[in-house]
Amino acid sequence: MSFDPDAVTTVTFDSYGTLVDVDTAEAALADRVPEPEPVSKLWRSRSLAYTFIADAIDAYQPFYEMNRDALQYALDAHGVSLSEAERDEILSVYHELDVFDDVRDGMNRLQDAGYDCYVVSNGNPEMLSSLVETADIDGIVEDTISADEIETFKPHAELYRHAAARTGTPIDEIAHVTSGYSDVYGAMHAGMQGVWADRDGPWDAFAGEPDLTIESFHALADELV
């Protein structure tokens, strides 16, 4: 399926890795961990794995708590022992991750063109509130939609359907923008158009191609405006 810009009335955005840079977390590890990069990458990958498992075995817990468990696993796997206070300080970086350079201007262009913009995320509401504030997009985003509302994570179709209902938009009129390949597949499976934001490539094509690939939010605005 190719991208159909004329069908789009609402644009939803993933959060972590799409709006904000999760690699910022590596800096929070740098003063406490001898090799922060592999710990950071394992932390992130384990956190995502937990969401897939939670959906499969009905073991939901808020994403912040899953992220805590994933951090602990990554530290244990690399033989790093930290106090609870130190772990909490590292974990808190998720409230102040760096926003990608194209986000504000690109989303502003979409808003100015009349598109409603939402954030749809695995993050729990408190995380999303701080993300929107830190990214300075509170005047652009209509609302944030959290997996916590239905206790179901991406890429389960139910979360995308819930998002469509929350936005009041037919699901086939939504373009979902994300840097996560599984998120693209999930959105498309549920009936949205899937837009892959290529933050660090390459695309994982085991189950097909996205409807649209963009290098920046400006490229999306060029397609839609």
N, C-alpha and C. Protein backbone atom coordinates (compact mmCIF):
# COMPACT_ATOMS: atom_id res chain seq x y z
N MET A 1 0.85 -1.20 0.00
CA MET A 1 0.00 0.00 0.00
C MET A 1 0.88 1.24 0.00
N SER A 2 0.56 2.20 -0.86
CA SER A 2 1.30 3.45 -0.89
C SER A 2 0.57 4.50 -0.07
N PHE A 3 1.31 5.50 0.35
CA PHE A 3 0.77 6.54 1.21
C PHE A 3 -0.26 7.38 0.46
N ASP A 4 -1.40 7.64 1.11
CA ASP A 4 -2.47 8.46 0.53
C ASP A 4 -2.65 9.70 1.39
N PRO A 5 -2.00 10.81 1.04
CA PRO A 5 -2.09 12.01 1.88
C PRO A 5 -3.51 12.59 1.93
N ASP A 6 -4.28 12.38 0.88
CA ASP A 6 -5.63 12.96 0.85
C ASP A 6 -6.57 12.31 1.86
N ALA A 7 -6.22 11.11 2.31
CA ALA A 7 -7.07 10.41 3.28
C ALA A 7 -6.81 10.84 4.71
N VAL A 8 -5.73 11.56 4.96
CA VAL A 8 -5.28 11.86 6.33
C VAL A 8 -5.95 13.11 6.88
N THR A 9 -6.56 12.98 8.06
CA THR A 9 -7.09 14.14 8.77
C THR A 9 -6.45 14.32 10.14
N THR A 10 -5.86 13.25 10.68
CA THR A 10 -5.25 13.27 12.00
C THR A 10 -3.89 12.58 11.92
N VAL A 11 -2.92 13.12 12.66
CA VAL A 11 -1.60 12.53 12.70
C VAL A 11 -1.26 12.17 14.14
N THR A 12 -0.92 10.92 14.37
CA THR A 12 -0.50 10.49 15.70
C THR A 12 1.00 10.20 15.68
N PHE A 13 1.63 10.44 16.82
CA PHE A 13 3.07 10.29 16.91
C PHE A 13 3.43 9.38 18.08
N ASP A 14 4.35 8.49 17.83
CA ASP A 14 5.00 7.76 18.91
C ASP A 14 5.83 8.76 19.71
N SER A 15 6.27 8.36 20.88
CA SER A 15 7.02 9.27 21.75
C SER A 15 8.50 8.95 21.77
N TYR A 16 8.86 7.87 22.46
CA TYR A 16 10.27 7.57 22.74
C TYR A 16 10.98 7.01 21.51
N GLY A 17 12.02 7.74 21.08
CA GLY A 17 12.73 7.38 19.88
C GLY A 17 12.20 8.07 18.65
N THR A 18 11.02 8.70 18.76
CA THR A 18 10.41 9.40 17.63
C THR A 18 10.38 10.90 17.89
N LEU A 19 9.83 11.30 19.03
CA LEU A 19 9.83 12.71 19.42
C LEU A 19 11.08 13.06 20.22
N VAL A 20 11.46 12.16 21.09
CA VAL A 20 12.62 12.39 21.96
C VAL A 20 13.62 11.26 21.82
N ASP A 21 14.87 11.60 22.08
CA ASP A 21 15.99 10.69 21.83
C ASP A 21 16.30 9.85 23.07
N VAL A 22 15.98 8.56 23.00
CA VAL A 22 16.21 7.69 24.15
C VAL A 22 17.69 7.47 24.42
N ASP A 23 18.53 7.78 23.44
CA ASP A 23 19.98 7.66 23.67
C ASP A 23 20.49 8.68 24.69
N THR A 24 19.66 9.68 24.99
CA THR A 24 20.00 10.63 26.05
C THR A 24 20.24 9.89 27.36
N ALA A 25 19.57 8.77 27.53
CA ALA A 25 19.70 8.00 28.77
C ALA A 25 21.13 7.54 29.00
N GLU A 26 21.88 7.39 27.92
CA GLU A 26 23.27 6.95 28.06
C GLU A 26 24.09 7.93 28.90
N ALA A 27 23.79 9.22 28.75
CA ALA A 27 24.51 10.23 29.51
C ALA A 27 24.25 10.10 31.00
N ALA A 28 23.05 9.66 31.37
CA ALA A 28 22.72 9.48 32.78
C ALA A 28 23.47 8.30 33.39
N LEU A 29 23.90 7.39 32.53
CA LEU A 29 24.65 6.22 33.01
C LEU A 29 26.16 6.48 33.08
N ALA A 30 26.61 7.49 32.36
CA ALA A 30 28.04 7.67 32.12
C ALA A 30 28.87 7.80 33.40
N ASP A 31 28.33 8.48 34.40
CA ASP A 31 29.10 8.69 35.63
C ASP A 31 29.03 7.51 36.59
N ARG A 32 28.23 6.51 36.26
CA ARG A 32 28.00 5.42 37.21
C ARG A 32 28.34 4.04 36.66
N VAL A 33 28.51 3.97 35.33
CA VAL A 33 28.71 2.68 34.67
C VAL A 33 29.97 2.75 33.82
N PRO A 34 30.87 1.76 33.92
CA PRO A 34 32.11 1.81 33.14
C PRO A 34 31.87 1.87 31.64
N GLU A 35 30.89 1.11 31.14
CA GLU A 35 30.59 1.09 29.71
C GLU A 35 29.10 1.41 29.52
N PRO A 36 28.76 2.69 29.46
CA PRO A 36 27.34 3.08 29.44
C PRO A 36 26.59 2.69 28.18
N GLU A 37 27.26 2.66 27.03
CA GLU A 37 26.52 2.41 25.78
C GLU A 37 25.85 1.04 25.74
N PRO A 38 26.56 -0.06 26.01
CA PRO A 38 25.86 -1.36 25.96
C PRO A 38 24.80 -1.50 27.05
N VAL A 39 25.03 -0.88 28.21
CA VAL A 39 24.01 -0.93 29.26
C VAL A 39 22.76 -0.21 28.80
N SER A 40 22.93 0.97 28.19
CA SER A 40 21.80 1.76 27.71
C SER A 40 21.01 1.01 26.64
N LYS A 41 21.72 0.38 25.70
CA LYS A 41 21.04 -0.34 24.62
C LYS A 41 20.29 -1.56 25.15
N LEU A 42 20.89 -2.28 26.09
CA LEU A 42 20.21 -3.43 26.67
C LEU A 42 19.00 -2.98 27.48
N TRP A 43 19.14 -1.90 28.20
CA TRP A 43 18.03 -1.33 28.97
C TRP A 43 16.84 -1.06 28.04
N ARG A 44 17.09 -0.40 26.94
CA ARG A 44 16.02 -0.05 26.01
C ARG A 44 15.40 -1.30 25.38
N SER A 45 16.23 -2.21 24.91
CA SER A 45 15.70 -3.40 24.23
C SER A 45 14.91 -4.27 25.19
N ARG A 46 15.39 -4.38 26.43
CA ARG A 46 14.68 -5.20 27.41
C ARG A 46 13.34 -4.56 27.77
N SER A 47 13.33 -3.26 27.87
CA SER A 47 12.10 -2.55 28.19
C SER A 47 11.02 -2.82 27.14
N LEU A 48 11.41 -2.77 25.86
CA LEU A 48 10.46 -3.06 24.79
C LEU A 48 10.03 -4.53 24.82
N ALA A 49 10.97 -5.41 25.08
CA ALA A 49 10.63 -6.83 25.15
C ALA A 49 9.60 -7.10 26.23
N TYR A 50 9.72 -6.42 27.35
CA TYR A 50 8.77 -6.61 28.45
C TYR A 50 7.35 -6.24 28.02
N THR A 51 7.22 -5.19 27.18
CA THR A 51 5.87 -4.81 26.75
C THR A 51 5.25 -5.90 25.88
N PHE A 52 6.06 -6.53 25.01
CA PHE A 52 5.53 -7.61 24.17
C PHE A 52 5.08 -8.79 25.04
N ILE A 53 5.91 -9.13 26.02
CA ILE A 53 5.59 -10.26 26.89
C ILE A 53 4.35 -9.95 27.73
N ALA A 54 4.27 -8.73 28.24
CA ALA A 54 3.13 -8.34 29.08
C ALA A 54 1.81 -8.50 28.33
N ASP A 55 1.78 -8.10 27.06
CA ASP A 55 0.55 -8.27 26.27
C ASP A 55 0.23 -9.74 26.06
N ALA A 56 1.26 -10.55 25.87
CA ALA A 56 1.04 -11.96 25.56
C ALA A 56 0.56 -12.76 26.76
N ILE A 57 1.00 -12.37 27.96
CA ILE A 57 0.66 -13.17 29.15
C ILE A 57 -0.18 -12.40 30.16
N ASP A 58 -0.73 -11.26 29.73
CA ASP A 58 -1.61 -10.47 30.59
C ASP A 58 -0.91 -10.08 31.89
N ALA A 59 0.26 -9.47 31.73
CA ALA A 59 1.07 -9.08 32.90
C ALA A 59 1.36 -7.59 32.87
N TYR A 60 0.33 -6.81 32.58
CA TYR A 60 0.53 -5.35 32.45
C TYR A 60 1.00 -4.71 33.75
N GLN A 61 1.92 -3.77 33.61
CA GLN A 61 2.21 -2.80 34.65
C GLN A 61 2.62 -1.52 33.95
N PRO A 62 2.49 -0.36 34.61
CA PRO A 62 2.83 0.90 33.94
C PRO A 62 4.25 0.88 33.38
N PHE A 63 4.43 1.55 32.24
CA PHE A 63 5.69 1.49 31.53
C PHE A 63 6.87 1.98 32.38
N TYR A 64 6.64 2.95 33.22
CA TYR A 64 7.74 3.46 34.06
C TYR A 64 8.28 2.35 34.95
N GLU A 65 7.38 1.51 35.47
CA GLU A 65 7.82 0.40 36.31
C GLU A 65 8.52 -0.68 35.49
N MET A 66 8.03 -0.93 34.30
CA MET A 66 8.72 -1.88 33.42
C MET A 66 10.11 -1.36 33.06
N ASN A 67 10.19 -0.08 32.85
CA ASN A 67 11.47 0.54 32.53
C ASN A 67 12.45 0.39 33.70
N ARG A 68 11.92 0.46 34.92
CA ARG A 68 12.74 0.25 36.11
C ARG A 68 13.28 -1.18 36.15
N ASP A 69 12.41 -2.13 35.87
CA ASP A 69 12.84 -3.54 35.86
C ASP A 69 13.88 -3.79 34.77
N ALA A 70 13.68 -3.16 33.62
CA ALA A 70 14.62 -3.34 32.50
C ALA A 70 15.98 -2.74 32.83
N LEU A 71 15.97 -1.60 33.50
CA LEU A 71 17.24 -0.99 33.93
C LEU A 71 17.97 -1.90 34.89
N GLN A 72 17.24 -2.47 35.83
CA GLN A 72 17.87 -3.37 36.79
C GLN A 72 18.48 -4.57 36.08
N TYR A 73 17.77 -5.12 35.11
CA TYR A 73 18.30 -6.25 34.37
C TYR A 73 19.59 -5.87 33.64
N ALA A 74 19.58 -4.72 32.97
CA ALA A 74 20.75 -4.29 32.21
C ALA A 74 21.96 -4.09 33.12
N LEU A 75 21.72 -3.52 34.30
CA LEU A 75 22.81 -3.33 35.26
C LEU A 75 23.33 -4.69 35.74
N ASP A 76 22.42 -5.59 36.08
CA ASP A 76 22.82 -6.93 36.55
C ASP A 76 23.61 -7.67 35.47
N ALA A 77 23.16 -7.55 34.22
CA ALA A 77 23.80 -8.27 33.13
C ALA A 77 25.24 -7.79 32.90
N HIS A 78 25.49 -6.56 33.28
CA HIS A 78 26.84 -6.01 33.11
C HIS A 78 27.60 -5.92 34.43
N GLY A 79 27.07 -6.58 35.45
CA GLY A 79 27.78 -6.66 36.72
C GLY A 79 27.92 -5.35 37.45
N VAL A 80 26.91 -4.46 37.31
CA VAL A 80 26.96 -3.15 37.95
C VAL A 80 25.98 -3.12 39.12
N SER A 81 26.47 -2.74 40.29
CA SER A 81 25.63 -2.65 41.48
C SER A 81 25.47 -1.18 41.86
N LEU A 82 24.23 -0.71 41.88
CA LEU A 82 23.93 0.68 42.24
C LEU A 82 22.87 0.71 43.33
N SER A 83 22.86 1.78 44.09
CA SER A 83 21.84 1.94 45.12
C SER A 83 20.50 2.26 44.48
N GLU A 84 19.43 2.10 45.24
CA GLU A 84 18.10 2.42 44.74
C GLU A 84 18.01 3.89 44.35
N ALA A 85 18.63 4.76 45.13
CA ALA A 85 18.60 6.19 44.82
C ALA A 85 19.30 6.48 43.49
N GLU A 86 20.42 5.81 43.25
CA GLU A 86 21.13 6.01 41.98
C GLU A 86 20.31 5.50 40.80
N ARG A 87 19.65 4.36 40.99
CA ARG A 87 18.81 3.83 39.91
C ARG A 87 17.65 4.78 39.62
N ASP A 88 17.07 5.34 40.66
CA ASP A 88 15.96 6.29 40.47
C ASP A 88 16.42 7.54 39.73
N GLU A 89 17.63 7.99 40.02
CA GLU A 89 18.17 9.16 39.33
C GLU A 89 18.36 8.88 37.84
N ILE A 90 18.85 7.69 37.54
CA ILE A 90 19.03 7.32 36.13
C ILE A 90 17.68 7.21 35.45
N LEU A 91 16.75 6.54 36.10
CA LEU A 91 15.42 6.34 35.53
C LEU A 91 14.71 7.66 35.25
N SER A 92 14.95 8.65 36.09
CA SER A 92 14.26 9.93 35.95
C SER A 92 14.62 10.67 34.68
N VAL A 93 15.70 10.24 33.99
CA VAL A 93 16.08 10.90 32.74
C VAL A 93 14.95 10.82 31.72
N TYR A 94 14.08 9.83 31.86
CA TYR A 94 12.96 9.70 30.93
C TYR A 94 11.96 10.86 31.03
N HIS A 95 12.11 11.68 32.04
CA HIS A 95 11.28 12.89 32.16
C HIS A 95 11.90 14.08 31.47
N GLU A 96 13.12 13.93 30.94
CA GLU A 96 13.81 15.08 30.35
C GLU A 96 14.72 14.68 29.18
N LEU A 97 14.23 13.78 28.35
CA LEU A 97 15.00 13.35 27.18
C LEU A 97 15.07 14.48 26.15
N ASP A 98 16.16 14.51 25.39
CA ASP A 98 16.35 15.54 24.36
C ASP A 98 15.35 15.35 23.22
N VAL A 99 14.75 16.45 22.78
CA VAL A 99 13.82 16.40 21.65
C VAL A 99 14.61 16.48 20.35
N PHE A 100 14.20 15.71 19.34
CA PHE A 100 14.85 15.78 18.04
C PHE A 100 14.61 17.15 17.40
N ASP A 101 15.58 17.61 16.62
CA ASP A 101 15.57 18.97 16.10
C ASP A 101 14.39 19.29 15.19
N ASP A 102 13.89 18.29 14.49
CA ASP A 102 12.83 18.55 13.50
C ASP A 102 11.42 18.53 14.08
N VAL A 103 11.30 18.17 15.35
CA VAL A 103 9.98 17.89 15.92
C VAL A 103 9.09 19.12 15.99
N ARG A 104 9.53 20.17 16.65
CA ARG A 104 8.65 21.32 16.89
C ARG A 104 8.24 21.99 15.58
N ASP A 105 9.20 22.30 14.73
CA ASP A 105 8.87 22.99 13.48
C ASP A 105 8.04 22.12 12.55
N GLY A 106 8.39 20.84 12.48
CA GLY A 106 7.63 19.94 11.63
C GLY A 106 6.19 19.79 12.09
N MET A 107 5.99 19.62 13.40
CA MET A 107 4.62 19.49 13.92
C MET A 107 3.86 20.80 13.81
N ASN A 108 4.56 21.92 13.96
CA ASN A 108 3.92 23.23 13.79
C ASN A 108 3.36 23.38 12.39
N ARG A 109 4.10 22.92 11.40
CA ARG A 109 3.63 23.00 10.02
C ARG A 109 2.35 22.19 9.83
N LEU A 110 2.30 21.03 10.45
CA LEU A 110 1.10 20.20 10.34
C LEU A 110 -0.09 20.85 11.04
N GLN A 111 0.16 21.39 12.23
CA GLN A 111 -0.92 22.06 12.95
C GLN A 111 -1.44 23.26 12.17
N ASP A 112 -0.53 24.05 11.62
CA ASP A 112 -0.92 25.23 10.85
C ASP A 112 -1.74 24.85 9.62
N ALA A 113 -1.49 23.65 9.10
CA ALA A 113 -2.22 23.18 7.92
C ALA A 113 -3.57 22.56 8.29
N GLY A 114 -3.88 22.50 9.59
CA GLY A 114 -5.19 22.02 10.02
C GLY A 114 -5.25 20.58 10.49
N TYR A 115 -4.10 19.93 10.61
CA TYR A 115 -4.09 18.55 11.09
C TYR A 115 -4.06 18.52 12.62
N ASP A 116 -4.89 17.67 13.20
CA ASP A 116 -4.84 17.44 14.64
C ASP A 116 -3.70 16.48 14.93
N CYS A 117 -2.87 16.82 15.91
CA CYS A 117 -1.70 16.01 16.26
C CYS A 117 -1.85 15.44 17.67
N TYR A 118 -1.62 14.16 17.80
CA TYR A 118 -1.71 13.47 19.08
C TYR A 118 -0.44 12.64 19.31
N VAL A 119 -0.17 12.36 20.57
CA VAL A 119 0.87 11.42 20.93
C VAL A 119 0.21 10.12 21.38
N VAL A 120 0.64 9.00 20.81
CA VAL A 120 0.14 7.68 21.20
C VAL A 120 1.35 6.87 21.65
N SER A 121 1.35 6.47 22.92
CA SER A 121 2.58 5.94 23.50
C SER A 121 2.34 4.84 24.51
N ASN A 122 3.36 3.99 24.67
CA ASN A 122 3.37 3.03 25.77
C ASN A 122 3.58 3.72 27.12
N GLY A 123 4.15 4.91 27.09
CA GLY A 123 4.43 5.62 28.33
C GLY A 123 3.18 5.89 29.14
N ASN A 124 3.32 5.86 30.48
CA ASN A 124 2.16 6.17 31.30
C ASN A 124 1.93 7.68 31.34
N PRO A 125 0.74 8.13 31.78
CA PRO A 125 0.37 9.54 31.65
C PRO A 125 1.37 10.52 32.25
N GLU A 126 1.95 10.20 33.40
CA GLU A 126 2.91 11.11 34.02
C GLU A 126 4.14 11.28 33.14
N MET A 127 4.60 10.21 32.53
CA MET A 127 5.73 10.28 31.61
C MET A 127 5.40 11.16 30.41
N LEU A 128 4.22 10.99 29.86
CA LEU A 128 3.85 11.73 28.67
C LEU A 128 3.64 13.21 28.98
N SER A 129 3.13 13.51 30.15
CA SER A 129 2.96 14.90 30.54
C SER A 129 4.30 15.62 30.59
N SER A 130 5.29 14.98 31.20
CA SER A 130 6.61 15.60 31.29
C SER A 130 7.29 15.65 29.92
N LEU A 131 7.04 14.64 29.08
CA LEU A 131 7.62 14.64 27.74
C LEU A 131 7.11 15.84 26.93
N VAL A 132 5.81 16.05 26.95
CA VAL A 132 5.21 17.15 26.19
C VAL A 132 5.74 18.49 26.68
N GLU A 133 5.88 18.61 28.00
CA GLU A 133 6.39 19.86 28.56
C GLU A 133 7.85 20.08 28.19
N THR A 134 8.67 19.04 28.35
CA THR A 134 10.10 19.15 28.06
C THR A 134 10.34 19.42 26.57
N ALA A 135 9.56 18.76 25.72
CA ALA A 135 9.71 18.94 24.27
C ALA A 135 9.11 20.25 23.79
N ASP A 136 8.37 20.94 24.66
CA ASP A 136 7.75 22.22 24.32
C ASP A 136 6.78 22.08 23.15
N ILE A 137 5.94 21.04 23.22
CA ILE A 137 4.95 20.82 22.17
C ILE A 137 3.53 20.83 22.73
N ASP A 138 3.38 21.36 23.96
CA ASP A 138 2.06 21.35 24.59
C ASP A 138 1.06 22.21 23.82
N GLY A 139 1.53 23.21 23.07
CA GLY A 139 0.62 24.03 22.28
C GLY A 139 0.31 23.43 20.92
N ILE A 140 0.96 22.33 20.59
CA ILE A 140 0.78 21.69 19.29
C ILE A 140 -0.04 20.42 19.43
N VAL A 141 0.23 19.65 20.46
CA VAL A 141 -0.41 18.35 20.65
C VAL A 141 -1.80 18.53 21.25
N GLU A 142 -2.79 17.94 20.60
CA GLU A 142 -4.16 18.02 21.10
C GLU A 142 -4.30 17.27 22.42
N ASP A 143 -3.66 16.09 22.49
CA ASP A 143 -3.77 15.26 23.69
C ASP A 143 -2.74 14.15 23.59
N THR A 144 -2.49 13.50 24.71
CA THR A 144 -1.66 12.30 24.73
C THR A 144 -2.54 11.11 25.05
N ILE A 145 -2.24 9.98 24.42
CA ILE A 145 -3.02 8.76 24.58
C ILE A 145 -2.07 7.68 25.04
N SER A 146 -2.31 7.15 26.21
CA SER A 146 -1.38 6.22 26.85
C SER A 146 -1.91 4.79 26.85
N ALA A 147 -0.98 3.86 26.72
CA ALA A 147 -1.32 2.45 26.85
C ALA A 147 -1.95 2.17 28.21
N ASP A 148 -1.63 2.99 29.18
CA ASP A 148 -2.14 2.81 30.54
C ASP A 148 -3.67 2.91 30.58
N GLU A 149 -4.25 3.60 29.62
CA GLU A 149 -5.71 3.80 29.61
C GLU A 149 -6.46 2.49 29.39
N ILE A 150 -5.84 1.56 28.66
CA ILE A 150 -6.50 0.27 28.41
C ILE A 150 -5.61 -0.90 28.85
N GLU A 151 -4.48 -0.57 29.47
CA GLU A 151 -3.54 -1.57 29.99
C GLU A 151 -3.13 -2.58 28.91
N THR A 152 -2.83 -2.02 27.74
CA THR A 152 -2.40 -2.82 26.60
C THR A 152 -1.35 -2.04 25.83
N PHE A 153 -0.24 -2.69 25.52
CA PHE A 153 0.87 -2.01 24.85
C PHE A 153 0.83 -2.20 23.33
N LYS A 154 1.56 -1.33 22.64
CA LYS A 154 1.84 -1.54 21.22
C LYS A 154 2.69 -2.81 21.08
N PRO A 155 2.58 -3.49 19.95
CA PRO A 155 1.81 -3.15 18.75
C PRO A 155 0.43 -3.81 18.71
N HIS A 156 -0.17 -4.06 19.85
CA HIS A 156 -1.51 -4.66 19.87
C HIS A 156 -2.50 -3.72 19.18
N ALA A 157 -3.32 -4.28 18.32
CA ALA A 157 -4.26 -3.46 17.54
C ALA A 157 -5.22 -2.67 18.42
N GLU A 158 -5.50 -3.20 19.60
CA GLU A 158 -6.48 -2.55 20.47
C GLU A 158 -6.06 -1.14 20.86
N LEU A 159 -4.76 -0.91 21.02
CA LEU A 159 -4.31 0.42 21.42
C LEU A 159 -4.52 1.43 20.28
N TYR A 160 -4.27 1.04 19.05
CA TYR A 160 -4.48 1.94 17.92
C TYR A 160 -5.98 2.21 17.72
N ARG A 161 -6.79 1.20 17.92
CA ARG A 161 -8.24 1.41 17.82
C ARG A 161 -8.73 2.34 18.93
N HIS A 162 -8.17 2.17 20.11
CA HIS A 162 -8.49 3.07 21.23
C HIS A 162 -8.09 4.50 20.89
N ALA A 163 -6.92 4.65 20.28
CA ALA A 163 -6.45 5.98 19.90
C ALA A 163 -7.39 6.62 18.88
N ALA A 164 -7.84 5.84 17.92
CA ALA A 164 -8.78 6.38 16.93
C ALA A 164 -10.06 6.85 17.60
N ALA A 165 -10.56 6.06 18.53
CA ALA A 165 -11.78 6.45 19.25
C ALA A 165 -11.56 7.71 20.07
N ARG A 166 -10.40 7.80 20.72
CA ARG A 166 -10.09 8.98 21.55
C ARG A 166 -9.96 10.25 20.71
N THR A 167 -9.44 10.12 19.50
CA THR A 167 -9.30 11.29 18.64
C THR A 167 -10.60 11.61 17.90
N GLY A 168 -11.54 10.68 17.91
CA GLY A 168 -12.78 10.88 17.18
C GLY A 168 -12.58 10.83 15.67
N THR A 169 -11.59 10.03 15.24
CA THR A 169 -11.22 9.97 13.83
C THR A 169 -11.39 8.54 13.31
N PRO A 170 -12.00 8.37 12.14
CA PRO A 170 -11.98 7.03 11.53
C PRO A 170 -10.55 6.55 11.41
N ILE A 171 -10.30 5.30 11.74
CA ILE A 171 -8.92 4.83 11.84
C ILE A 171 -8.18 4.92 10.52
N ASP A 172 -8.88 4.83 9.39
CA ASP A 172 -8.21 4.90 8.11
C ASP A 172 -7.88 6.34 7.68
N GLU A 173 -8.23 7.31 8.54
CA GLU A 173 -7.88 8.70 8.28
C GLU A 173 -6.70 9.16 9.15
N ILE A 174 -6.08 8.21 9.84
CA ILE A 174 -4.96 8.53 10.73
C ILE A 174 -3.65 8.06 10.11
N ALA A 175 -2.65 8.94 10.13
CA ALA A 175 -1.28 8.56 9.80
C ALA A 175 -0.52 8.49 11.11
N HIS A 176 0.06 7.34 11.39
CA HIS A 176 0.81 7.15 12.64
C HIS A 176 2.30 7.20 12.33
N VAL A 177 3.00 8.10 13.02
CA VAL A 177 4.42 8.37 12.75
C VAL A 177 5.25 7.80 13.89
N THR A 178 6.22 6.97 13.54
CA THR A 178 7.01 6.31 14.57
C THR A 178 8.35 5.85 14.01
N SER A 179 9.34 5.80 14.87
CA SER A 179 10.65 5.26 14.48
C SER A 179 10.74 3.76 14.74
N GLY A 180 9.72 3.18 15.34
CA GLY A 180 9.74 1.76 15.69
C GLY A 180 9.09 0.89 14.63
N TYR A 181 9.82 -0.08 14.13
CA TYR A 181 9.27 -0.92 13.07
C TYR A 181 8.03 -1.69 13.53
N SER A 182 8.04 -2.19 14.78
CA SER A 182 6.88 -2.94 15.26
C SER A 182 5.67 -2.03 15.40
N ASP A 183 5.91 -0.78 15.73
CA ASP A 183 4.85 0.21 15.87
C ASP A 183 4.23 0.52 14.50
N VAL A 184 5.06 0.60 13.48
CA VAL A 184 4.55 0.79 12.12
C VAL A 184 3.65 -0.38 11.73
N TYR A 185 4.14 -1.60 11.94
CA TYR A 185 3.35 -2.78 11.61
C TYR A 185 2.04 -2.81 12.38
N GLY A 186 2.11 -2.48 13.67
CA GLY A 186 0.91 -2.49 14.50
C GLY A 186 -0.13 -1.50 14.01
N ALA A 187 0.32 -0.30 13.69
CA ALA A 187 -0.61 0.73 13.22
C ALA A 187 -1.25 0.33 11.90
N MET A 188 -0.44 -0.18 10.98
CA MET A 188 -0.98 -0.58 9.68
C MET A 188 -1.94 -1.76 9.82
N HIS A 189 -1.60 -2.71 10.67
CA HIS A 189 -2.48 -3.85 10.90
C HIS A 189 -3.83 -3.42 11.44
N ALA A 190 -3.82 -2.38 12.27
CA ALA A 190 -5.07 -1.89 12.87
C ALA A 190 -5.89 -1.05 11.89
N GLY A 191 -5.27 -0.57 10.81
CA GLY A 191 -6.01 0.19 9.81
C GLY A 191 -5.52 1.61 9.58
N MET A 192 -4.48 2.04 10.31
CA MET A 192 -3.89 3.35 10.09
C MET A 192 -2.89 3.28 8.92
N GLN A 193 -2.48 4.44 8.45
CA GLN A 193 -1.33 4.49 7.54
C GLN A 193 -0.08 4.58 8.39
N GLY A 194 0.91 3.76 8.08
CA GLY A 194 2.13 3.70 8.87
C GLY A 194 3.24 4.51 8.26
N VAL A 195 3.74 5.50 9.03
CA VAL A 195 4.83 6.36 8.57
C VAL A 195 6.06 6.07 9.42
N TRP A 196 7.11 5.58 8.77
CA TRP A 196 8.34 5.27 9.50
C TRP A 196 9.28 6.47 9.49
N ALA A 197 9.58 6.99 10.68
CA ALA A 197 10.57 8.06 10.82
C ALA A 197 11.93 7.40 10.99
N ASP A 198 12.76 7.53 9.98
CA ASP A 198 14.06 6.86 9.96
C ASP A 198 15.05 7.65 10.82
N ARG A 199 15.09 7.31 12.11
CA ARG A 199 16.00 7.99 13.03
C ARG A 199 17.39 7.36 13.02
N ASP A 200 17.47 6.06 12.85
CA ASP A 200 18.79 5.43 12.85
C ASP A 200 18.87 4.20 11.97
N GLY A 201 17.83 3.88 11.20
CA GLY A 201 17.80 2.81 10.22
C GLY A 201 18.57 1.56 10.63
N PRO A 202 18.61 0.54 9.78
CA PRO A 202 17.80 0.38 8.58
C PRO A 202 16.40 -0.14 8.91
N TRP A 203 15.52 -0.11 7.93
CA TRP A 203 14.18 -0.66 8.10
C TRP A 203 14.25 -2.17 8.22
N ASP A 204 13.42 -2.72 9.10
CA ASP A 204 13.33 -4.17 9.28
C ASP A 204 12.11 -4.66 8.50
N ALA A 205 12.37 -5.28 7.35
CA ALA A 205 11.30 -5.59 6.40
C ALA A 205 10.76 -7.00 6.50
N PHE A 206 10.81 -7.59 7.70
CA PHE A 206 10.41 -9.00 7.77
C PHE A 206 8.92 -9.19 7.47
N ALA A 207 8.11 -8.15 7.62
CA ALA A 207 6.67 -8.29 7.37
C ALA A 207 6.14 -7.23 6.43
N GLY A 208 7.00 -6.68 5.58
CA GLY A 208 6.53 -5.70 4.61
C GLY A 208 7.20 -4.35 4.75
N GLU A 209 6.60 -3.36 4.09
CA GLU A 209 7.16 -2.01 4.05
C GLU A 209 6.17 -1.02 4.65
N PRO A 210 6.68 0.09 5.19
CA PRO A 210 5.78 1.14 5.67
C PRO A 210 5.07 1.81 4.50
N ASP A 211 3.96 2.48 4.78
CA ASP A 211 3.28 3.23 3.73
C ASP A 211 4.13 4.41 3.27
N LEU A 212 4.90 4.96 4.20
CA LEU A 212 5.75 6.11 3.88
C LEU A 212 6.97 6.09 4.79
N THR A 213 8.13 6.41 4.24
CA THR A 213 9.35 6.57 5.02
C THR A 213 9.78 8.03 4.94
N ILE A 214 10.10 8.61 6.10
CA ILE A 214 10.53 10.00 6.13
C ILE A 214 11.86 10.11 6.87
N GLU A 215 12.68 11.08 6.46
CA GLU A 215 13.93 11.34 7.15
C GLU A 215 13.74 12.36 8.28
N SER A 216 12.67 13.16 8.18
CA SER A 216 12.38 14.15 9.20
C SER A 216 10.90 14.48 9.16
N PHE A 217 10.42 15.18 10.18
CA PHE A 217 9.01 15.58 10.21
C PHE A 217 8.71 16.59 9.10
N HIS A 218 9.73 17.30 8.63
CA HIS A 218 9.52 18.23 7.53
C HIS A 218 9.13 17.48 6.25
N ALA A 219 9.69 16.30 6.06
CA ALA A 219 9.33 15.49 4.90
C ALA A 219 7.87 15.06 4.97
N LEU A 220 7.39 14.77 6.17
CA LEU A 220 5.98 14.44 6.33
C LEU A 220 5.10 15.63 6.01
N ALA A 221 5.51 16.81 6.52
CA ALA A 221 4.76 18.03 6.21
C ALA A 221 4.74 18.30 4.71
N ASP A 222 5.84 18.02 4.04
CA ASP A 222 5.88 18.21 2.58
C ASP A 222 4.87 17.31 1.88
N GLU A 223 4.66 16.10 2.43
CA GLU A 223 3.71 15.17 1.84
C GLU A 223 2.26 15.61 2.07
N LEU A 224 2.02 16.21 3.22
CA LEU A 224 0.65 16.48 3.63
C LEU A 224 0.19 17.92 3.39
N VAL A 225 1.11 18.84 3.38
CA VAL A 225 0.71 20.27 3.30
C VAL A 225 0.70 20.75 1.86
